[in-house]
Amino acid sequence: MTKVYRYLTGEDDVNFCAKVTKALNEGYELYGSPTMTFNGVDVIVGQVIVKDVESESDIPSGLKVAIGQL
């Protein structure tokens, strides 16, 4: 089994909430506490999500490429 890691970021708005909600419905789980910062105009938030996958075919293709380059 492999664990897939993603760090979602964006402005603190409904679009960010939708991004996290979509990931949770795809089987990801929240990991750790969310982060927040202010760029002088907007509040920017981040949240780590993780998911256990059974096979390599369940790993997103971009992540597979990046792992192969390590």
Protein backbone atom coordinates (compact mmCIF):
# COMPACT_ATOMS: atom_id res chain seq x y z
CA MET A 1 0.00 0.00 0.00
CA THR A 2 1.22 3.50 -0.84
CA LYS A 3 0.30 6.77 0.81
CA VAL A 4 -0.39 9.72 -1.52
CA TYR A 5 0.30 13.23 -0.15
CA ARG A 6 -1.20 16.49 -1.41
CA TYR A 7 -1.00 20.02 -0.06
CA LEU A 8 -3.96 22.12 -1.13
CA THR A 9 -3.62 25.91 -1.08
CA GLY A 10 -5.72 28.87 -2.10
CA GLU A 11 -7.59 31.94 -1.01
CA ASP A 12 -9.82 31.39 2.02
CA ASP A 13 -13.07 31.24 0.06
CA VAL A 14 -15.77 28.85 -1.13
CA ASN A 15 -13.53 27.61 -3.96
CA PHE A 16 -10.92 26.38 -1.49
CA CYS A 17 -13.65 24.70 0.57
CA ALA A 18 -14.95 23.03 -2.60
CA LYS A 19 -11.43 21.78 -3.43
CA VAL A 20 -11.06 20.20 0.02
CA THR A 21 -14.59 18.77 -0.08
CA LYS A 22 -13.95 17.17 -3.48
CA ALA A 23 -10.71 15.58 -2.23
CA LEU A 24 -12.43 14.22 0.89
CA ASN A 25 -15.12 12.66 -1.30
CA GLU A 26 -12.36 11.06 -3.41
CA GLY A 27 -11.09 9.24 -0.33
CA TYR A 28 -8.45 11.66 0.96
CA GLU A 29 -8.26 12.43 4.68
CA LEU A 30 -7.21 15.62 6.42
CA TYR A 31 -3.73 15.45 7.89
CA GLY A 32 -2.59 17.89 10.54
CA SER A 33 -3.85 21.39 11.10
CA PRO A 34 -4.63 23.89 8.34
CA THR A 35 -2.26 26.79 7.75
CA MET A 36 -3.13 30.43 7.16
CA THR A 37 -1.18 33.46 6.04
CA PHE A 38 -1.98 36.93 4.77
CA ASN A 39 -0.38 38.23 1.56
CA GLY A 40 -1.37 41.85 2.16
CA VAL A 41 -4.65 41.46 0.27
CA ASP A 42 -6.09 37.99 0.87
CA VAL A 43 -6.00 35.27 3.50
CA ILE A 44 -4.29 32.23 1.97
CA VAL A 45 -5.00 28.83 3.49
CA GLY A 46 -3.46 25.40 3.11
CA GLN A 47 -4.37 21.88 4.15
CA VAL A 48 -2.46 18.63 3.84
CA ILE A 49 -4.49 15.64 2.71
CA VAL A 50 -3.39 12.01 2.42
CA LYS A 51 -4.83 8.86 0.91
CA ASP A 52 -3.80 5.21 1.03
CA VAL A 53 -3.86 3.62 -2.42
CA GLU A 54 -3.72 -0.08 -3.21
CA SER A 55 -1.91 0.00 -6.53
CA GLU A 56 0.41 2.25 -8.48
CA SER A 57 -2.38 2.88 -11.01
CA ASP A 58 -4.22 4.86 -8.29
CA ILE A 59 -1.34 7.37 -7.96
CA PRO A 60 -1.97 10.59 -9.94
CA SER A 61 0.15 10.59 -13.12
CA GLY A 62 1.98 13.85 -12.34
CA LEU A 63 2.98 12.49 -8.94
CA LYS A 64 4.25 9.25 -10.53
CA VAL A 65 6.50 11.28 -12.83
CA ALA A 66 7.84 13.38 -9.93
CA ILE A 67 8.52 10.28 -7.82
CA GLY A 68 10.39 8.71 -10.74
CA GLN A 69 12.65 11.78 -10.94
CA LEU A 70 13.81 11.50 -7.33
